[in-house]
Each structure stands twice: as C-alpha cells, then as structure tokens.
Amino acid sequence: MRNFTISNIVVLFFFSLSTTISAQIVISTPSLGFTQACASPSFNTYNVTFTFSPESELTGTNQFIIELSDDTGDFSNPSQIYSSNQGEFTTSPTTLTFSVPTTISGEAFKIRIKSTSPVATSTPSVAFPAYYKIQDTPFSINNLISTGVYCAGGRYLLTIDNPGDAMNDSPLQYPSLTYNWYKETGATTSVLVDSGESLSVNQPGTYFVETNYGTCTSNSYSNRVTVSESTSSSTSEISSSLGNPYCVSQGATTLSAINAVSYQWFKDGSEISGATSQMYETSEPGNYTVNINLGDCNTTATINLENTGFTSSIDVDEYNTLEEGETLVVIVSNDAVNPEFKWYLNENQIAGANTNSYEATQTGNYKVVITQTSGCVASSEFLFSITEPFPDVADIPNLISPNGDGINDTWIIPQEYVNGSNAEVTIISAQGEVVLQTNNYQNNWPENKLNFNAVNPVYYYIIKSNNTTKKGSITVIN
C-alpha cells in the first residue's frame, strides 16, 4: 500500500484548487440583432450575438441560456426564454435565435446570457421595447356607428365591441391587452385622453382607440366616432351588421343604434311592436327609424336598408297589350356580377331564354328572374303581362253573364277608364262590401267565379276620372 504524506495532500489540494479557478469564462454583453421586438402569431424570431473566452474552458455538457428581465430591466425574477442543447455551441462569437413570450408587453426589457459549464453570466443587454401583438387587425367600437350624441351636461359612453367573430376581431377576446383612447386634434394629429376598455365622453370631438403596443406599429385600431352635444335637430346613424345593401343569402342582418336609455324602432313609418332594444334583427328591406331616449334628451337615427345585393330594372310596364302579329322586346338592365337570367310564361320556364332580353310574341303572364351568381348570391324578379288590346266599347254595360261562353263574361268598359287611364274603378256588392277597387282596371272582373246567393245579384260601380264621377249598377246573370 502506498503511503501519502501531509505534503502530498497539500500539493494535491492546491492542484485541484488551481484547476477549479482556471475553469472560468467571460461572456460579453449581448449584441441585439433588433431594436424592438414587435412579435405576432406570424413572426416571432430574433437573434442575439455574444462572445466568450476562453473557448477551451467550455465542457461538453455546457448549455447557453437566455434570460429575460421584467419590463423595467430588472433581473430579480428573470424568465428563461432559451436554452441550447448540451455542447451545441463551442466557438466564439455565437449567435442564438429565440422567441419572446406571447404575454410580453413593455418598453424596457433586457436579456442576458448564461453558461452552465462553467457557470458564467453576461452583463445585461441594452433595453428594448417588446410586445406580442396577439391581435393586429382593425376592430369596431360603438357598433361601427360613426356618430354619438350626449345631452347637455351629460356624457356618452364609447366601448369596444365584443364578442369577436368573423366580422369583428375584438381585442377584448385577449385579457392581457390594454388600450389607449385618442381624440383627433387635426387631420393627421391626435392626443391621448385615457386608457381602458371604454371612454366616457363629455366633449364634442372625434375619438378612436388603439391596442397598446407601445412604440411598435400596429393595425389594431378602431373606427372613428364623432360625438356631439344634442340639439333639437340632432340625429345619429344606424349600422347594419351585414352592410347596406346586405347579402340576402347570408341571412338576417342586425341593425344597431348608439348607446342610450331606451329605444323604439319603426319600419316605413309604422311602429314595430316589441322592438325596444338597442339592436333589431331583420331580413326585410325598408326605411328603418329608431327613436332614441338619451335620458335627458332624445335623438333619432334612420337607415334605408336594401337587401338585393345588386340593382336592376325592366323597360316595360306591368301591363302591356299586343296586336296580332306584333312583338314586344323586353330588356332587363342590371349591375349583377355574372348574372343568370330565366324567363317564364304563365309560370313555365321558356326554353333557351337566358339573356337579359326577350322578344315576346304571345299574350300571358310573364316573369324574369335575375340571379347574381358570384360574391353575394342574390335574386330579383320582375312580373309583367301581355294582353290583346281592350275592345273599345262606347258605353258602360250594366249586365254581365260570367258563364264561360266568351260573351259578356267580364265587365268591359270604355278604354278611357281602363289600363293606363288612372281612373279609379270601385265595385260594391248589394251588401255594401267593396269587391274591387283599382286605378288600373283590366276589364277582368270578375276574375273568379261568383257564388250566387240570390237570383241575378246586383253590384254597383263608381268610376272617378278627370274630376268626373260615374255611377251605376251591374246585374250578374247566368
């Protein structure tokens, strides 16, 4: 057995100590490959470069680590955001690629580099702004209504719309986000007025809000809303969730008014029963108005809602006549995208009639359907009829026999009172019931079979034309 003396032990101790002391490296201050980290779901890759010395002191198990400070640059509780594989980097200088956390938000972050074998830590990097833009698209406030009204001495509340959907990527879906509200001071200038998810306004002006991504540029901003103090002539706007005109095939659209105490909706001047909320859902076109109670004052809003998706017109009247041997060329004008045309005669589709015009040679009831086949799929139709010219009788008859024999089956009156004359024709039963009233009589009464409750019933007519009135009776016989 070999004996160790005290001197041997002392020598061995100092040898081990010198080995431990010499196993050290120095890591330089990290050099950033960026000035600010404006990350997003589509981009989150950043580089940092550093040197270390001596290279020979790294062991095969060494890992380089990137630590991130808090948003003030303090490393009391750092976050580890990157760790290399053991022995992955052995030469200096070294460049590491990392990503920032998806919750990062602040103007003065720093990073530092650490090694594990031997253990060493660099001095911190320069400070840099860093934000993860989890929401980076425009969003809406005030239900996308560009106006707001408050009563004198009152306030108007602007809020970010929520929840988010395909039509509005609301930033309120992401609880970590904060916001800055601005008031425009000029065509291209604005001033910060508040922060938070809403803004209470008591001064006229145009306001908007941005998601707070600090010095990082962003597309996360709202529409502008112009707020005014109520006057006797104050009005606001109504927004349609599907736009105006909106696409019929997408279903009903939601009409929205500004924030208020209470509401009453109207369609074409008539009150809509039960429509007393801020929003009203409809699939019908028309002129919609809402009376808005702001508490100490009132305002109104109106929208002329259209749901065709395109416009179209036809160049013939609803009622037309055609002499034997004549033709009538009908043309439909429209701005539909990739339109499709279908023509019908007496509800039967006309084979080969698939353009915007048709040459009619027969009498009957016609229909043309125009369909927009690209984008918003929508349809519109026109009805018109063609008859033979009305017989030009001299007198108003007081006897008809609707028995189907082709003689006196309908009440035929002089042409000065029929189609296109604008004469008002009214027929009243013996019991006082109005059975027909029209300004465009077609010599077609009765259109349906009359049920005789008495022998040879009597009806009465009134014809008003050019400030003259004619009255008489009509006896109906078999």
Protein backbone atom coordinates (compact mmCIF):
# COMPACT_ATOMS: atom_id res chain seq x y z
CA MET A 1 0.00 0.00 0.00
CA ARG A 2 1.21 3.47 -0.96
CA ASN A 3 1.55 6.00 1.89
CA PHE A 4 0.60 9.70 1.39
CA THR A 5 2.35 12.27 3.46
CA ILE A 6 0.90 15.57 4.61
CA SER A 7 2.96 17.31 1.96
CA ASN A 8 1.40 15.11 -0.75
CA ILE A 9 -2.10 16.03 0.40
CA VAL A 10 -1.32 19.75 0.43
CA VAL A 11 0.11 19.57 -3.09
CA LEU A 12 -2.98 17.69 -4.35
CA PHE A 13 -5.34 20.26 -2.73
CA PHE A 14 -3.62 23.22 -4.35
CA PHE A 15 -3.58 21.43 -7.71
CA SER A 16 -7.36 20.86 -7.54
CA LEU A 17 -7.97 24.45 -6.45
CA SER A 18 -5.94 25.88 -9.31
CA THR A 19 -7.83 23.65 -11.75
CA THR A 20 -11.20 24.89 -10.43
CA ILE A 21 -10.19 28.52 -10.53
CA SER A 22 -8.90 28.25 -14.08
CA ALA A 23 -12.19 26.68 -15.34
CA GLN A 24 -13.85 30.05 -15.98
CA ILE A 25 -15.06 32.02 -19.00
CA VAL A 26 -16.06 35.61 -19.57
CA ILE A 27 -19.25 36.31 -21.63
CA SER A 28 -19.57 39.66 -23.38
CA THR A 29 -22.58 41.96 -23.24
CA PRO A 30 -25.16 40.56 -25.74
CA SER A 31 -25.42 42.38 -29.05
CA LEU A 32 -29.06 42.52 -30.22
CA GLY A 33 -29.96 41.87 -33.84
CA PHE A 34 -33.00 44.15 -33.45
CA THR A 35 -34.01 47.45 -31.87
CA GLN A 36 -37.51 46.39 -30.78
CA ALA A 37 -39.32 43.06 -30.63
CA CYS A 38 -42.75 43.51 -32.21
CA ALA A 39 -43.82 39.88 -32.31
CA SER A 40 -47.05 38.38 -33.61
CA PRO A 41 -48.53 34.95 -34.44
CA SER A 42 -46.94 35.25 -37.88
CA PHE A 43 -43.49 36.47 -36.72
CA ASN A 44 -41.57 35.78 -33.52
CA THR A 45 -37.89 35.16 -34.35
CA TYR A 46 -34.99 37.27 -33.02
CA ASN A 47 -31.18 36.93 -32.93
CA VAL A 48 -28.59 37.85 -30.29
CA THR A 49 -24.80 37.57 -30.68
CA PHE A 50 -22.14 37.37 -27.97
CA THR A 51 -18.53 36.34 -27.47
CA PHE A 52 -16.93 34.26 -24.73
CA SER A 53 -13.36 33.47 -23.75
CA PRO A 54 -11.53 31.22 -23.47
CA GLU A 55 -13.26 28.73 -25.74
CA SER A 56 -11.17 25.87 -24.34
CA GLU A 57 -12.82 26.11 -20.94
CA LEU A 58 -16.27 25.01 -22.17
CA THR A 59 -17.15 21.44 -21.26
CA GLY A 60 -19.12 19.02 -23.39
CA THR A 61 -22.21 19.47 -21.19
CA ASN A 62 -22.36 23.25 -21.42
CA GLN A 63 -25.61 24.98 -22.35
CA PHE A 64 -26.10 28.63 -23.18
CA ILE A 65 -29.26 30.19 -21.68
CA ILE A 66 -31.05 33.47 -22.48
CA GLU A 67 -32.74 35.16 -19.54
CA LEU A 68 -35.33 37.94 -19.91
CA SER A 69 -35.82 40.71 -17.36
CA ASP A 70 -39.13 42.32 -16.38
CA ASP A 71 -40.40 45.36 -18.29
CA THR A 72 -38.17 47.69 -16.24
CA GLY A 73 -34.94 45.78 -16.96
CA ASP A 74 -34.79 44.14 -13.52
CA PHE A 75 -33.44 40.57 -13.23
CA SER A 76 -34.68 39.84 -9.69
CA ASN A 77 -37.04 37.23 -11.10
CA PRO A 78 -35.86 36.55 -14.67
CA SER A 79 -37.62 34.37 -17.24
CA GLN A 80 -35.65 31.73 -19.14
CA ILE A 81 -36.66 32.09 -22.80
CA TYR A 82 -34.00 29.96 -24.49
CA SER A 83 -31.68 27.03 -23.67
CA SER A 84 -29.27 25.42 -26.14
CA ASN A 85 -28.54 21.72 -26.35
CA GLN A 86 -25.55 20.42 -24.37
CA GLY A 87 -22.34 21.10 -26.24
CA GLU A 88 -24.22 22.68 -29.19
CA PHE A 89 -22.10 25.86 -29.34
CA THR A 90 -18.31 25.68 -28.81
CA THR A 91 -16.84 28.59 -30.75
CA SER A 92 -16.96 32.35 -30.27
CA PRO A 93 -18.69 34.54 -31.36
CA THR A 94 -22.05 32.74 -31.10
CA THR A 95 -25.47 33.75 -32.39
CA LEU A 96 -28.62 32.42 -30.75
CA THR A 97 -32.16 32.59 -32.20
CA PHE A 98 -35.07 32.89 -29.79
CA SER A 99 -38.74 33.91 -29.45
CA VAL A 100 -40.31 36.28 -26.93
CA PRO A 101 -43.21 35.17 -24.66
CA THR A 102 -46.72 35.68 -26.03
CA THR A 103 -47.59 37.79 -22.96
CA ILE A 104 -44.69 40.24 -23.29
CA SER A 105 -45.57 43.93 -23.11
CA GLY A 106 -43.29 46.82 -22.18
CA GLU A 107 -40.68 49.36 -23.26
CA ALA A 108 -37.52 48.45 -21.28
CA PHE A 109 -36.81 44.73 -21.37
CA LYS A 110 -33.24 43.40 -21.26
CA ILE A 111 -31.68 39.99 -21.85
CA ARG A 112 -28.51 38.37 -20.57
CA ILE A 113 -26.56 35.22 -21.47
CA LYS A 114 -25.63 32.47 -19.04
CA SER A 115 -23.48 29.35 -19.41
CA THR A 116 -23.82 26.19 -17.32
CA SER A 117 -20.38 24.58 -17.57
CA PRO A 118 -18.50 26.53 -16.49
CA VAL A 119 -21.09 28.80 -14.85
CA ALA A 120 -20.92 32.40 -16.08
CA THR A 121 -23.31 35.31 -16.66
CA SER A 122 -23.00 38.25 -19.02
CA THR A 123 -23.88 41.83 -18.22
CA PRO A 124 -27.41 42.77 -19.43
CA SER A 125 -28.09 43.99 -22.95
CA VAL A 126 -29.33 47.44 -23.80
CA ALA A 127 -33.05 47.97 -23.06
CA PHE A 128 -35.55 47.36 -25.85
CA PRO A 129 -39.36 47.58 -26.33
CA ALA A 130 -41.10 44.21 -26.70
CA TYR A 131 -44.75 43.41 -27.42
CA TYR A 132 -46.56 40.32 -28.64
CA LYS A 133 -49.31 41.57 -30.98
CA ILE A 134 -51.80 38.78 -30.41
CA GLN A 135 -54.49 40.90 -32.11
CA ASP A 136 -53.29 43.00 -35.04
CA THR A 137 -56.34 43.82 -37.18
CA PRO A 138 -58.83 46.71 -37.17
CA PHE A 139 -61.80 46.34 -34.82
CA SER A 140 -65.02 48.22 -34.13
CA ILE A 141 -66.34 50.46 -31.38
CA ASN A 142 -69.83 51.93 -30.94
CA ASN A 143 -71.32 49.10 -33.06
CA LEU A 144 -69.44 50.61 -36.03
CA ILE A 145 -71.70 53.69 -35.87
CA SER A 146 -69.68 56.77 -36.77
CA THR A 147 -71.67 59.19 -34.59
CA GLY A 148 -72.62 59.58 -30.94
CA VAL A 149 -74.79 62.10 -29.09
CA TYR A 150 -74.91 63.19 -25.45
CA CYS A 151 -77.33 65.50 -23.64
CA ALA A 152 -76.19 68.90 -22.38
CA GLY A 153 -74.41 68.30 -19.10
CA GLY A 154 -74.32 64.55 -19.77
CA ARG A 155 -71.84 62.03 -21.16
CA TYR A 156 -71.64 59.47 -23.95
CA LEU A 157 -70.00 56.06 -23.45
CA LEU A 158 -67.76 54.64 -26.15
CA THR A 159 -66.99 50.92 -25.83
CA ILE A 160 -65.02 48.30 -27.74
CA ASP A 161 -67.46 45.90 -29.40
CA ASN A 162 -67.48 42.33 -28.14
CA PRO A 163 -67.60 39.38 -28.61
CA GLY A 164 -65.31 38.94 -31.54
CA ASP A 165 -66.41 37.00 -34.60
CA ALA A 166 -65.62 36.67 -38.28
CA MET A 167 -66.89 40.22 -38.83
CA ASN A 168 -65.04 41.81 -35.89
CA ASP A 169 -61.81 40.51 -34.35
CA SER A 170 -62.41 42.17 -30.98
CA PRO A 171 -59.25 42.64 -28.88
CA LEU A 172 -61.42 42.07 -25.78
CA GLN A 173 -61.00 38.36 -26.53
CA TYR A 174 -57.46 38.66 -25.18
CA PRO A 175 -57.46 39.62 -21.46
CA SER A 176 -53.78 40.59 -21.39
CA LEU A 177 -54.25 43.57 -23.74
CA THR A 178 -54.54 47.22 -22.71
CA TYR A 179 -55.80 50.22 -24.67
CA ASN A 180 -55.19 53.90 -25.39
CA TRP A 181 -58.01 56.29 -26.37
CA TYR A 182 -57.33 59.33 -28.54
CA LYS A 183 -59.13 62.50 -29.62
CA GLU A 184 -58.33 63.94 -33.03
CA THR A 185 -56.81 67.43 -32.98
CA GLY A 186 -56.29 67.73 -36.72
CA ALA A 187 -56.43 65.86 -40.00
CA THR A 188 -53.36 63.79 -39.05
CA THR A 189 -52.86 64.56 -35.35
CA SER A 190 -54.44 63.32 -32.12
CA VAL A 191 -53.92 63.46 -28.35
CA LEU A 192 -54.05 60.65 -25.78
CA VAL A 193 -57.06 61.18 -23.49
CA ASP A 194 -57.48 57.95 -21.48
CA SER A 195 -56.87 54.22 -21.25
CA GLY A 196 -59.17 51.28 -20.57
CA GLU A 197 -61.83 49.25 -22.36
CA SER A 198 -64.27 52.20 -22.59
CA LEU A 199 -64.28 56.01 -22.70
CA SER A 200 -66.89 58.34 -21.20
CA VAL A 201 -67.10 61.50 -23.33
CA ASN A 202 -68.50 64.90 -22.36
CA GLN A 203 -66.74 67.00 -25.02
CA PRO A 204 -67.56 67.14 -28.75
CA GLY A 205 -64.94 65.62 -31.00
CA THR A 206 -63.79 62.61 -32.97
CA TYR A 207 -62.47 59.70 -30.91
CA PHE A 208 -60.80 56.34 -31.54
CA VAL A 209 -58.89 53.67 -29.60
CA GLU A 210 -55.76 51.61 -30.27
CA THR A 211 -54.48 48.47 -28.62
CA ASN A 212 -51.49 49.49 -26.52
CA TYR A 213 -48.46 48.05 -28.28
CA GLY A 214 -46.23 50.94 -27.21
CA THR A 215 -43.71 52.02 -29.83
CA CYS A 216 -44.50 49.02 -32.03
CA THR A 217 -46.54 49.92 -35.08
CA SER A 218 -49.84 48.04 -35.28
CA ASN A 219 -53.03 47.57 -37.27
CA SER A 220 -55.02 47.04 -34.07
CA TYR A 221 -57.12 50.23 -34.08
CA SER A 222 -60.80 51.14 -34.16
CA ASN A 223 -63.10 53.13 -36.39
CA ARG A 224 -63.54 56.87 -35.69
CA VAL A 225 -66.65 58.12 -33.84
CA THR A 226 -67.70 61.77 -33.94
CA VAL A 227 -69.51 62.70 -30.72
CA SER A 228 -71.65 65.84 -30.43
CA GLU A 229 -73.91 67.52 -27.89
CA SER A 230 -77.63 67.04 -28.54
CA THR A 231 -79.66 69.82 -30.17
CA SER A 232 -83.24 69.93 -31.43
CA SER A 233 -82.08 68.67 -34.83
CA SER A 234 -79.62 66.04 -33.63
CA THR A 235 -79.56 62.71 -35.42
CA SER A 236 -77.25 59.73 -35.37
CA GLU A 237 -76.74 56.66 -37.51
CA ILE A 238 -77.84 53.03 -37.69
CA SER A 239 -75.34 50.33 -38.63
CA SER A 240 -76.15 47.06 -40.39
CA SER A 241 -74.06 44.04 -39.33
CA LEU A 242 -74.03 42.72 -42.91
CA GLY A 243 -73.58 46.14 -44.51
CA ASN A 244 -76.06 48.01 -46.69
CA PRO A 245 -77.13 46.72 -49.11
CA TYR A 246 -76.56 43.36 -47.45
CA CYS A 247 -76.39 39.89 -48.95
CA VAL A 248 -79.72 38.08 -48.69
CA SER A 249 -78.11 34.64 -48.78
CA GLN A 250 -76.21 35.38 -45.55
CA GLY A 251 -79.45 35.58 -43.56
CA ALA A 252 -80.82 38.34 -41.38
CA THR A 253 -78.84 41.48 -40.61
CA THR A 254 -78.70 43.21 -37.22
CA LEU A 255 -79.43 46.93 -37.07
CA SER A 256 -77.70 48.77 -34.21
CA ALA A 257 -78.24 52.19 -32.67
CA ILE A 258 -75.98 54.21 -30.35
CA ASN A 259 -75.83 53.63 -26.58
CA ALA A 260 -78.89 55.08 -24.84
CA VAL A 261 -81.52 54.53 -22.14
CA SER A 262 -84.38 53.21 -24.31
CA TYR A 263 -85.42 52.74 -27.94
CA GLN A 264 -88.42 52.35 -30.26
CA TRP A 265 -87.96 51.05 -33.80
CA PHE A 266 -90.13 51.88 -36.84
CA LYS A 267 -90.31 50.43 -40.36
CA ASP A 268 -91.61 52.56 -43.22
CA GLY A 269 -93.16 54.92 -40.67
CA SER A 270 -95.00 52.22 -38.67
CA GLU A 271 -94.02 51.28 -35.13
CA ILE A 272 -92.56 47.78 -34.77
CA SER A 273 -94.24 46.14 -31.81
CA GLY A 274 -91.77 44.93 -29.18
CA ALA A 275 -88.73 46.44 -30.95
CA THR A 276 -87.39 48.39 -27.99
CA SER A 277 -83.76 47.24 -27.76
CA GLN A 278 -80.53 48.79 -28.99
CA MET A 279 -80.44 46.20 -31.79
CA TYR A 280 -83.10 44.96 -34.19
CA GLU A 281 -82.71 41.89 -36.42
CA THR A 282 -84.43 41.86 -39.80
CA SER A 283 -84.29 40.29 -43.24
CA GLU A 284 -86.71 42.76 -44.82
CA PRO A 285 -85.64 45.84 -46.78
CA GLY A 286 -87.21 49.17 -45.92
CA ASN A 287 -86.75 52.55 -44.31
CA TYR A 288 -85.97 51.95 -40.62
CA THR A 289 -86.04 54.63 -37.93
CA VAL A 290 -85.34 54.40 -34.22
CA ASN A 291 -86.33 56.93 -31.57
CA ILE A 292 -83.53 57.08 -29.01
CA ASN A 293 -84.00 58.23 -25.41
CA LEU A 294 -80.68 59.52 -24.07
CA GLY A 295 -82.10 60.20 -20.62
CA ASP A 296 -82.38 63.99 -20.54
CA CYS A 297 -82.92 64.39 -24.28
CA ASN A 298 -83.82 62.43 -27.41
CA THR A 299 -82.43 61.81 -30.87
CA THR A 300 -83.32 59.72 -33.91
CA ALA A 301 -81.49 57.57 -36.45
CA THR A 302 -82.51 56.28 -39.88
CA ILE A 303 -81.30 53.76 -42.45
CA ASN A 304 -82.72 52.87 -45.85
CA LEU A 305 -81.97 49.14 -45.78
CA GLU A 306 -81.55 47.31 -49.08
CA ASN A 307 -81.01 43.56 -49.40
CA THR A 308 -80.80 42.78 -53.09
CA GLY A 309 -77.05 42.77 -53.47
CA PHE A 310 -77.45 44.45 -56.88
CA THR A 311 -79.78 46.81 -58.73
CA SER A 312 -81.89 46.03 -61.77
CA SER A 313 -84.72 47.49 -63.87
CA ILE A 314 -87.02 46.47 -66.72
CA ASP A 315 -88.08 48.65 -69.65
CA VAL A 316 -91.76 47.63 -69.97
CA ASP A 317 -94.88 48.39 -67.95
CA GLU A 318 -96.55 45.88 -65.70
CA TYR A 319 -99.49 45.66 -68.13
CA ASN A 320 -98.98 45.64 -71.89
CA THR A 321 -101.11 44.98 -74.99
CA LEU A 322 -100.08 43.30 -78.21
CA GLU A 323 -101.87 43.35 -81.56
CA GLU A 324 -101.93 40.14 -83.54
CA GLY A 325 -98.65 39.71 -85.45
CA GLU A 326 -96.76 42.22 -83.30
CA THR A 327 -93.84 41.51 -80.91
CA LEU A 328 -92.66 43.17 -77.69
CA VAL A 329 -88.91 43.31 -76.95
CA VAL A 330 -88.26 43.34 -73.18
CA ILE A 331 -84.83 44.33 -71.82
CA VAL A 332 -83.56 43.97 -68.25
CA SER A 333 -80.72 46.26 -67.07
CA ASN A 334 -78.64 45.31 -64.03
CA ASP A 335 -75.25 45.58 -62.32
CA ALA A 336 -75.14 42.00 -61.02
CA VAL A 337 -71.86 40.05 -61.09
CA ASN A 338 -72.07 37.11 -63.53
CA PRO A 339 -75.86 37.41 -63.84
CA GLU A 340 -78.08 34.49 -64.80
CA PHE A 341 -81.48 35.08 -66.49
CA LYS A 342 -84.58 32.88 -66.53
CA TRP A 343 -87.78 33.89 -68.35
CA TYR A 344 -91.21 32.40 -67.64
CA LEU A 345 -94.60 32.47 -69.40
CA ASN A 346 -97.59 31.51 -67.27
CA GLU A 347 -95.15 30.07 -64.66
CA ASN A 348 -93.46 27.78 -67.23
CA GLN A 349 -89.76 28.44 -67.92
CA ILE A 350 -89.16 29.44 -71.53
CA ALA A 351 -86.55 27.16 -73.10
CA GLY A 352 -83.50 28.97 -74.46
CA ALA A 353 -84.45 32.34 -72.90
CA ASN A 354 -81.31 33.02 -70.85
CA THR A 355 -80.12 36.53 -71.75
CA ASN A 356 -81.11 39.96 -70.48
CA SER A 357 -83.65 40.44 -73.32
CA TYR A 358 -86.63 38.54 -74.67
CA GLU A 359 -88.88 39.04 -77.69
CA ALA A 360 -92.45 38.25 -76.65
CA THR A 361 -94.99 37.21 -79.27
CA GLN A 362 -97.72 35.68 -77.10
CA THR A 363 -100.18 37.03 -74.60
CA GLY A 364 -99.93 35.83 -70.99
CA ASN A 365 -98.28 36.46 -67.64
CA TYR A 366 -94.50 36.80 -67.83
CA LYS A 367 -91.75 36.74 -65.24
CA VAL A 368 -87.98 37.22 -65.45
CA VAL A 369 -85.65 36.21 -62.61
CA ILE A 370 -82.13 37.73 -62.42
CA THR A 371 -79.60 35.96 -60.18
CA GLN A 372 -76.17 37.26 -59.19
CA THR A 373 -74.04 34.10 -59.17
CA SER A 374 -70.71 35.45 -57.83
CA GLY A 375 -69.93 37.03 -54.48
CA CYS A 376 -73.25 37.69 -52.78
CA VAL A 377 -75.70 35.23 -54.37
CA ALA A 378 -78.98 37.16 -54.66
CA SER A 379 -82.01 37.26 -56.94
CA SER A 380 -84.52 39.79 -58.17
CA GLU A 381 -87.60 39.30 -60.33
CA PHE A 382 -89.99 41.34 -62.47
CA LEU A 383 -93.58 40.49 -63.42
CA PHE A 384 -95.44 41.82 -66.45
CA SER A 385 -98.35 40.73 -68.58
CA ILE A 386 -99.31 41.00 -72.22
CA THR A 387 -102.94 41.00 -73.35
CA GLU A 388 -104.76 41.72 -76.54
CA PRO A 389 -105.97 45.32 -76.83
CA PHE A 390 -109.13 46.00 -74.88
CA PRO A 391 -112.26 46.34 -77.04
CA ASP A 392 -113.26 49.96 -77.48
CA VAL A 393 -116.87 49.95 -76.29
CA ALA A 394 -118.88 53.16 -76.27
CA ASP A 395 -120.94 52.66 -73.12
CA ILE A 396 -120.56 51.24 -69.63
CA PRO A 397 -122.54 47.97 -69.57
CA ASN A 398 -124.93 47.16 -66.75
CA LEU A 399 -125.21 43.46 -67.46
CA ILE A 400 -122.67 40.59 -67.49
CA SER A 401 -123.01 36.81 -67.77
CA PRO A 402 -119.82 35.07 -66.46
CA ASN A 403 -120.78 31.61 -67.69
CA GLY A 404 -117.67 30.92 -69.74
CA ASP A 405 -119.26 31.20 -73.19
CA GLY A 406 -116.94 34.03 -74.22
CA ILE A 407 -119.76 36.56 -74.42
CA ASN A 408 -120.02 39.24 -71.71
CA ASP A 409 -118.01 37.04 -69.33
CA THR A 410 -116.36 40.10 -67.76
CA TRP A 411 -117.37 43.69 -67.29
CA ILE A 412 -115.93 45.52 -70.33
CA ILE A 413 -115.90 49.32 -70.04
CA PRO A 414 -114.68 52.08 -72.40
CA GLN A 415 -110.90 52.39 -72.89
CA GLU A 416 -110.84 55.85 -71.30
CA TYR A 417 -111.36 54.15 -67.91
CA VAL A 418 -109.09 51.10 -68.21
CA ASN A 419 -105.37 50.23 -68.23
CA GLY A 420 -103.19 53.36 -68.11
CA SER A 421 -106.02 55.86 -67.73
CA ASN A 422 -105.55 56.18 -63.93
CA ALA A 423 -109.31 56.14 -63.49
CA GLU A 424 -110.40 54.76 -60.11
CA VAL A 425 -112.85 51.90 -60.51
CA THR A 426 -114.79 50.61 -57.49
CA ILE A 427 -117.34 47.77 -57.44
CA ILE A 428 -119.57 47.27 -54.40
CA SER A 429 -121.89 44.37 -53.57
CA ALA A 430 -125.54 44.86 -52.64
CA GLN A 431 -124.45 44.31 -49.02
CA GLY A 432 -122.03 47.27 -49.21
CA GLU A 433 -118.82 45.20 -49.46
CA VAL A 434 -116.11 46.60 -51.73
CA VAL A 435 -115.21 43.69 -54.02
CA LEU A 436 -112.87 45.63 -56.34
CA GLN A 437 -111.01 48.93 -56.15
CA THR A 438 -108.20 49.78 -58.56
CA ASN A 439 -106.61 52.60 -60.54
CA ASN A 440 -105.60 50.20 -63.31
CA TYR A 441 -108.70 48.22 -64.28
CA GLN A 442 -108.00 45.39 -66.75
CA ASN A 443 -111.58 44.63 -67.96
CA ASN A 444 -111.23 41.41 -66.00
CA TRP A 445 -113.92 41.49 -63.28
CA PRO A 446 -114.97 39.01 -62.05
CA GLU A 447 -111.67 37.08 -62.15
CA ASN A 448 -113.10 34.30 -60.00
CA LYS A 449 -116.43 32.52 -60.14
CA LEU A 450 -119.15 34.36 -58.25
CA ASN A 451 -121.20 32.41 -55.73
CA PHE A 452 -124.82 33.34 -56.28
CA ASN A 453 -126.72 33.68 -53.01
CA ALA A 454 -129.63 35.27 -54.82
CA VAL A 455 -131.10 35.21 -58.32
CA ASN A 456 -129.33 37.68 -60.61
CA PRO A 457 -127.36 39.57 -57.92
CA VAL A 458 -126.77 43.26 -58.39
CA TYR A 459 -123.49 45.13 -57.87
CA TYR A 460 -122.83 48.85 -58.01
CA TYR A 461 -119.92 50.68 -59.64
CA ILE A 462 -118.28 54.06 -59.13
CA ILE A 463 -115.81 55.37 -61.72
CA LYS A 464 -113.81 58.53 -60.94
CA SER A 465 -111.85 60.07 -63.81
CA ASN A 466 -110.71 63.61 -64.62
CA ASN A 467 -112.82 65.17 -61.86
CA THR A 468 -115.93 63.37 -63.08
CA THR A 469 -117.78 60.53 -61.39
CA LYS A 470 -119.99 57.91 -63.00
CA LYS A 471 -122.18 55.56 -61.01
CA GLY A 472 -124.47 52.70 -61.94
CA SER A 473 -125.40 49.07 -61.36
CA ILE A 474 -124.24 45.75 -62.77
CA THR A 475 -126.62 42.80 -62.88
CA VAL A 476 -124.99 39.37 -62.99
CA ILE A 477 -126.89 36.60 -64.79
CA ASN A 478 -126.08 33.02 -65.72
